[in-house]
Every structure is written in C-alpha cells, then in structure tokens.
N, C-alpha and C. Protein backbone atom coordinates (compact mmCIF):
# COMPACT_ATOMS: atom_id res chain seq x y z
N UNK A 1 -93.33 8.97 4.67
CA UNK A 1 -92.51 7.97 4.02
C UNK A 1 -92.07 6.91 5.01
N UNK A 2 -91.86 5.73 4.49
CA UNK A 2 -91.34 4.67 5.34
C UNK A 2 -89.87 4.94 5.59
N UNK A 3 -89.37 4.41 6.67
CA UNK A 3 -87.96 4.63 6.99
C UNK A 3 -87.06 3.55 6.41
N UNK A 4 -87.66 2.57 5.74
CA UNK A 4 -86.88 1.49 5.14
C UNK A 4 -87.55 1.04 3.85
N UNK A 5 -86.77 0.54 2.93
CA UNK A 5 -87.37 -0.03 1.73
C UNK A 5 -88.18 -1.27 2.11
N UNK A 6 -89.23 -1.52 1.36
CA UNK A 6 -90.06 -2.69 1.61
C UNK A 6 -89.43 -3.94 1.00
N UNK A 7 -89.80 -5.09 1.53
CA UNK A 7 -89.35 -6.35 0.95
C UNK A 7 -90.15 -6.61 -0.33
N UNK A 8 -89.71 -7.55 -1.11
CA UNK A 8 -90.43 -7.88 -2.34
C UNK A 8 -91.84 -8.37 -2.03
N UNK A 9 -91.99 -9.16 -0.97
CA UNK A 9 -93.33 -9.61 -0.57
C UNK A 9 -94.21 -8.42 -0.20
N UNK A 10 -93.67 -7.46 0.53
CA UNK A 10 -94.43 -6.27 0.91
C UNK A 10 -94.79 -5.43 -0.32
N UNK A 11 -93.87 -5.36 -1.27
CA UNK A 11 -94.15 -4.61 -2.50
C UNK A 11 -95.26 -5.28 -3.30
N UNK A 12 -95.24 -6.60 -3.37
CA UNK A 12 -96.30 -7.33 -4.06
C UNK A 12 -97.64 -7.13 -3.35
N UNK A 13 -97.60 -7.13 -2.02
CA UNK A 13 -98.83 -6.86 -1.25
C UNK A 13 -99.33 -5.44 -1.53
N UNK A 14 -98.42 -4.49 -1.63
CA UNK A 14 -98.80 -3.11 -1.90
C UNK A 14 -99.45 -3.00 -3.28
N UNK A 15 -98.86 -3.65 -4.27
CA UNK A 15 -99.44 -3.63 -5.62
C UNK A 15 -100.83 -4.26 -5.60
N UNK A 16 -101.00 -5.35 -4.87
CA UNK A 16 -102.31 -5.99 -4.76
C UNK A 16 -103.31 -5.09 -4.05
N UNK A 17 -102.86 -4.39 -3.03
CA UNK A 17 -103.74 -3.47 -2.30
C UNK A 17 -104.20 -2.33 -3.21
N UNK A 18 -103.31 -1.85 -4.07
CA UNK A 18 -103.68 -0.81 -5.03
C UNK A 18 -104.73 -1.35 -5.99
N UNK A 19 -104.58 -2.59 -6.44
CA UNK A 19 -105.57 -3.20 -7.32
C UNK A 19 -106.92 -3.32 -6.64
N UNK A 20 -106.92 -3.71 -5.39
CA UNK A 20 -108.18 -3.83 -4.64
C UNK A 20 -108.85 -2.46 -4.54
N UNK A 21 -108.08 -1.45 -4.18
CA UNK A 21 -108.63 -0.10 -4.05
C UNK A 21 -109.17 0.40 -5.39
N UNK A 22 -108.46 0.11 -6.47
CA UNK A 22 -108.93 0.52 -7.80
C UNK A 22 -110.22 -0.21 -8.17
N UNK A 23 -110.28 -1.49 -7.87
CA UNK A 23 -111.48 -2.27 -8.17
C UNK A 23 -112.69 -1.75 -7.43
N UNK A 24 -112.45 -1.17 -6.27
CA UNK A 24 -113.53 -0.63 -5.45
C UNK A 24 -113.69 0.89 -5.63
N UNK A 25 -113.01 1.43 -6.65
CA UNK A 25 -113.09 2.87 -6.97
C UNK A 25 -112.74 3.76 -5.78
N UNK A 26 -111.70 3.36 -5.06
CA UNK A 26 -111.27 4.13 -3.89
C UNK A 26 -109.94 4.82 -4.18
N UNK A 27 -109.99 5.86 -5.03
CA UNK A 27 -108.75 6.53 -5.42
C UNK A 27 -108.04 7.19 -4.25
N UNK A 28 -108.79 7.65 -3.26
CA UNK A 28 -108.15 8.27 -2.10
C UNK A 28 -107.32 7.25 -1.31
N UNK A 29 -107.74 6.00 -1.33
CA UNK A 29 -106.96 4.96 -0.67
C UNK A 29 -105.68 4.64 -1.44
N UNK A 30 -105.75 4.74 -2.76
CA UNK A 30 -104.54 4.53 -3.56
C UNK A 30 -103.52 5.60 -3.18
N UNK A 31 -103.97 6.82 -3.05
CA UNK A 31 -103.08 7.91 -2.63
C UNK A 31 -102.45 7.58 -1.28
N UNK A 32 -103.24 7.14 -0.34
CA UNK A 32 -102.74 6.81 1.00
C UNK A 32 -101.74 5.66 0.96
N UNK A 33 -101.99 4.69 0.11
CA UNK A 33 -101.08 3.56 0.00
C UNK A 33 -99.72 3.97 -0.56
N UNK A 34 -99.73 4.86 -1.53
CA UNK A 34 -98.50 5.19 -2.25
C UNK A 34 -97.72 6.36 -1.67
N UNK A 35 -98.39 7.25 -0.98
CA UNK A 35 -97.75 8.49 -0.54
C UNK A 35 -96.59 8.25 0.41
N UNK A 36 -96.62 7.19 1.17
CA UNK A 36 -95.58 6.96 2.15
C UNK A 36 -94.40 6.14 1.66
N UNK A 37 -94.45 5.72 0.41
CA UNK A 37 -93.37 4.88 -0.10
C UNK A 37 -92.13 5.69 -0.45
N UNK A 38 -90.97 5.10 -0.20
CA UNK A 38 -89.73 5.72 -0.70
C UNK A 38 -89.73 5.57 -2.22
N UNK A 39 -89.05 6.46 -2.90
CA UNK A 39 -89.09 6.51 -4.36
C UNK A 39 -88.82 5.16 -5.02
N UNK A 40 -87.76 4.44 -4.68
CA UNK A 40 -87.52 3.16 -5.36
C UNK A 40 -88.68 2.17 -5.18
N UNK A 41 -89.32 2.18 -4.02
CA UNK A 41 -90.46 1.28 -3.81
C UNK A 41 -91.66 1.71 -4.64
N UNK A 42 -91.89 3.01 -4.74
CA UNK A 42 -92.98 3.51 -5.58
C UNK A 42 -92.76 3.10 -7.03
N UNK A 43 -91.54 3.24 -7.50
CA UNK A 43 -91.22 2.84 -8.88
C UNK A 43 -91.47 1.35 -9.06
N UNK A 44 -91.09 0.55 -8.09
CA UNK A 44 -91.28 -0.90 -8.19
C UNK A 44 -92.76 -1.26 -8.24
N UNK A 45 -93.58 -0.64 -7.38
CA UNK A 45 -95.02 -0.92 -7.37
C UNK A 45 -95.64 -0.51 -8.70
N UNK A 46 -95.29 0.65 -9.21
CA UNK A 46 -95.83 1.10 -10.50
C UNK A 46 -95.39 0.15 -11.60
N UNK A 47 -94.15 -0.29 -11.58
CA UNK A 47 -93.65 -1.22 -12.59
C UNK A 47 -94.39 -2.55 -12.53
N UNK A 48 -94.67 -3.04 -11.31
CA UNK A 48 -95.43 -4.28 -11.16
C UNK A 48 -96.82 -4.13 -11.78
N UNK A 49 -97.47 -3.02 -11.49
CA UNK A 49 -98.82 -2.79 -12.02
C UNK A 49 -98.79 -2.61 -13.54
N UNK A 50 -97.76 -1.96 -14.04
CA UNK A 50 -97.64 -1.78 -15.49
C UNK A 50 -97.43 -3.12 -16.18
N UNK A 51 -96.62 -3.98 -15.60
CA UNK A 51 -96.43 -5.31 -16.17
C UNK A 51 -97.74 -6.09 -16.22
N UNK A 52 -98.52 -5.97 -15.17
CA UNK A 52 -99.82 -6.62 -15.15
C UNK A 52 -100.72 -6.04 -16.24
N UNK A 53 -100.70 -4.74 -16.40
CA UNK A 53 -101.54 -4.07 -17.39
C UNK A 53 -101.20 -4.51 -18.82
N UNK A 54 -99.95 -4.85 -19.07
CA UNK A 54 -99.57 -5.28 -20.42
C UNK A 54 -100.42 -6.45 -20.89
N UNK A 55 -100.75 -7.34 -19.98
CA UNK A 55 -101.58 -8.48 -20.33
C UNK A 55 -102.99 -8.10 -20.74
N UNK A 56 -103.43 -6.93 -20.30
CA UNK A 56 -104.78 -6.49 -20.63
C UNK A 56 -104.84 -5.64 -21.89
N UNK A 57 -103.76 -4.98 -22.23
CA UNK A 57 -103.78 -4.15 -23.43
C UNK A 57 -103.32 -4.91 -24.66
N UNK A 58 -102.69 -6.05 -24.46
CA UNK A 58 -102.22 -6.87 -25.59
C UNK A 58 -103.39 -7.68 -26.14
N UNK A 59 -103.37 -7.96 -27.43
CA UNK A 59 -104.37 -8.89 -27.98
C UNK A 59 -104.32 -10.21 -27.22
N UNK A 60 -105.46 -10.85 -27.08
CA UNK A 60 -105.55 -12.05 -26.24
C UNK A 60 -104.66 -13.19 -26.72
N UNK A 61 -104.31 -13.20 -27.98
CA UNK A 61 -103.48 -14.29 -28.49
C UNK A 61 -101.98 -14.05 -28.25
N UNK A 62 -101.63 -12.89 -27.73
CA UNK A 62 -100.22 -12.57 -27.50
C UNK A 62 -99.80 -13.02 -26.10
N UNK A 63 -98.63 -13.62 -26.00
CA UNK A 63 -98.06 -14.01 -24.71
C UNK A 63 -97.06 -12.93 -24.30
N UNK A 64 -97.47 -12.05 -23.40
CA UNK A 64 -96.64 -10.89 -23.04
C UNK A 64 -95.40 -11.27 -22.23
N UNK A 65 -95.24 -12.54 -21.93
CA UNK A 65 -94.01 -12.98 -21.27
C UNK A 65 -92.87 -13.13 -22.27
N UNK A 66 -93.21 -13.22 -23.55
CA UNK A 66 -92.21 -13.39 -24.60
C UNK A 66 -91.58 -12.04 -24.95
N UNK A 67 -90.25 -11.95 -24.97
CA UNK A 67 -89.59 -10.68 -25.28
C UNK A 67 -89.99 -10.09 -26.64
N UNK A 68 -90.13 -10.90 -27.65
CA UNK A 68 -90.51 -10.39 -28.98
C UNK A 68 -91.92 -9.80 -28.95
N UNK A 69 -92.80 -10.42 -28.20
CA UNK A 69 -94.18 -9.92 -28.08
C UNK A 69 -94.17 -8.59 -27.34
N UNK A 70 -93.36 -8.50 -26.29
CA UNK A 70 -93.27 -7.25 -25.53
C UNK A 70 -92.74 -6.13 -26.42
N UNK A 71 -91.80 -6.45 -27.28
CA UNK A 71 -91.27 -5.44 -28.22
C UNK A 71 -92.37 -4.96 -29.17
N UNK A 72 -93.14 -5.90 -29.71
CA UNK A 72 -94.26 -5.51 -30.60
C UNK A 72 -95.28 -4.67 -29.88
N UNK A 73 -95.59 -5.06 -28.66
CA UNK A 73 -96.56 -4.31 -27.87
C UNK A 73 -96.03 -2.91 -27.55
N UNK A 74 -94.76 -2.82 -27.20
CA UNK A 74 -94.16 -1.51 -26.93
C UNK A 74 -94.24 -0.61 -28.16
N UNK A 75 -94.00 -1.18 -29.32
CA UNK A 75 -94.06 -0.38 -30.55
C UNK A 75 -95.50 0.10 -30.80
N UNK A 76 -96.47 -0.79 -30.62
CA UNK A 76 -97.88 -0.38 -30.80
C UNK A 76 -98.26 0.73 -29.82
N UNK A 77 -97.86 0.58 -28.57
CA UNK A 77 -98.17 1.59 -27.56
C UNK A 77 -97.48 2.91 -27.86
N UNK A 78 -96.23 2.83 -28.33
CA UNK A 78 -95.48 4.04 -28.69
C UNK A 78 -96.17 4.78 -29.84
N UNK A 79 -96.62 4.04 -30.85
CA UNK A 79 -97.32 4.65 -31.98
C UNK A 79 -98.59 5.34 -31.49
N UNK A 80 -99.34 4.68 -30.62
CA UNK A 80 -100.57 5.26 -30.08
C UNK A 80 -100.27 6.53 -29.28
N UNK A 81 -99.22 6.48 -28.49
CA UNK A 81 -98.83 7.65 -27.70
C UNK A 81 -98.47 8.83 -28.60
N UNK A 82 -97.67 8.57 -29.62
CA UNK A 82 -97.27 9.64 -30.55
C UNK A 82 -98.47 10.17 -31.32
N UNK A 83 -99.38 9.28 -31.69
CA UNK A 83 -100.58 9.69 -32.41
C UNK A 83 -101.45 10.59 -31.55
N UNK A 84 -101.63 10.22 -30.30
CA UNK A 84 -102.43 11.06 -29.39
C UNK A 84 -101.77 12.41 -29.17
N UNK A 85 -100.46 12.42 -29.03
CA UNK A 85 -99.75 13.69 -28.85
C UNK A 85 -99.91 14.58 -30.08
N UNK A 86 -99.84 13.98 -31.26
CA UNK A 86 -100.00 14.75 -32.50
C UNK A 86 -101.41 15.33 -32.59
N UNK A 87 -102.41 14.53 -32.23
CA UNK A 87 -103.79 15.03 -32.26
C UNK A 87 -103.97 16.20 -31.30
N UNK A 88 -103.39 16.07 -30.12
CA UNK A 88 -103.50 17.16 -29.14
C UNK A 88 -102.85 18.43 -29.66
N UNK A 89 -101.77 18.29 -30.36
CA UNK A 89 -101.05 19.45 -30.88
C UNK A 89 -101.62 19.93 -32.21
N UNK A 90 -102.64 19.25 -32.73
CA UNK A 90 -103.25 19.65 -33.98
C UNK A 90 -102.40 19.35 -35.20
N UNK A 91 -101.47 18.42 -35.06
CA UNK A 91 -100.56 18.12 -36.18
C UNK A 91 -101.02 16.94 -37.03
N UNK A 92 -101.98 16.19 -36.54
CA UNK A 92 -102.41 15.00 -37.28
C UNK A 92 -103.29 15.41 -38.45
N UNK A 93 -103.00 14.88 -39.62
CA UNK A 93 -103.79 15.19 -40.81
C UNK A 93 -105.01 14.29 -40.93
N UNK A 94 -104.96 13.13 -40.30
CA UNK A 94 -106.03 12.15 -40.46
C UNK A 94 -107.03 12.24 -39.37
C-alpha cells in the first residue's frame, strides 16, 4: 500500500493506466496497479472507471452527464441486475 493518498491527477493517471492494461488484456498488471492503493483511492479509481463505463452502456442518444439520464440508466441497470439474480436463483418465470 502507498503511505499517502494519491492526488487527483495521480488517481486519473491510475484510472488511465488500468484502461491501458485492460485494452492490452493484461489483467495481472491491473492487479499490480490496484493492490497498493489505500482503500479511499481504490474506491475513487473504481468510481472513475464506472463513470466512464456509463457512457458505453447507455444508448448512444443519451447524455450520461444529465442527472435525469443517469437516473434512467441506473433504473435500467438495476432491473437487469435483479433479473439476472432471479435467473440464477431459478425464480424467473420468463
């Protein structure tokens, strides 16, 4: 672990480094990048990457910067999550 929290610039660099490693299918490097982070920094990097991912899971016509759009997207994702959980548990009728 690092002995100090990272700056916002360092956190953005870390998130970018994770993206580079993922693009190059280097999962072991992602582990190395994240394993040394203090918990709040790890949460921040994951949150940055999740915010980026919202733009990819939303329909192309949606502006994920808009709060109302983010609410709609969250509801869609929540429904999908619950549906998958129900299927795994054998509770889905459809």
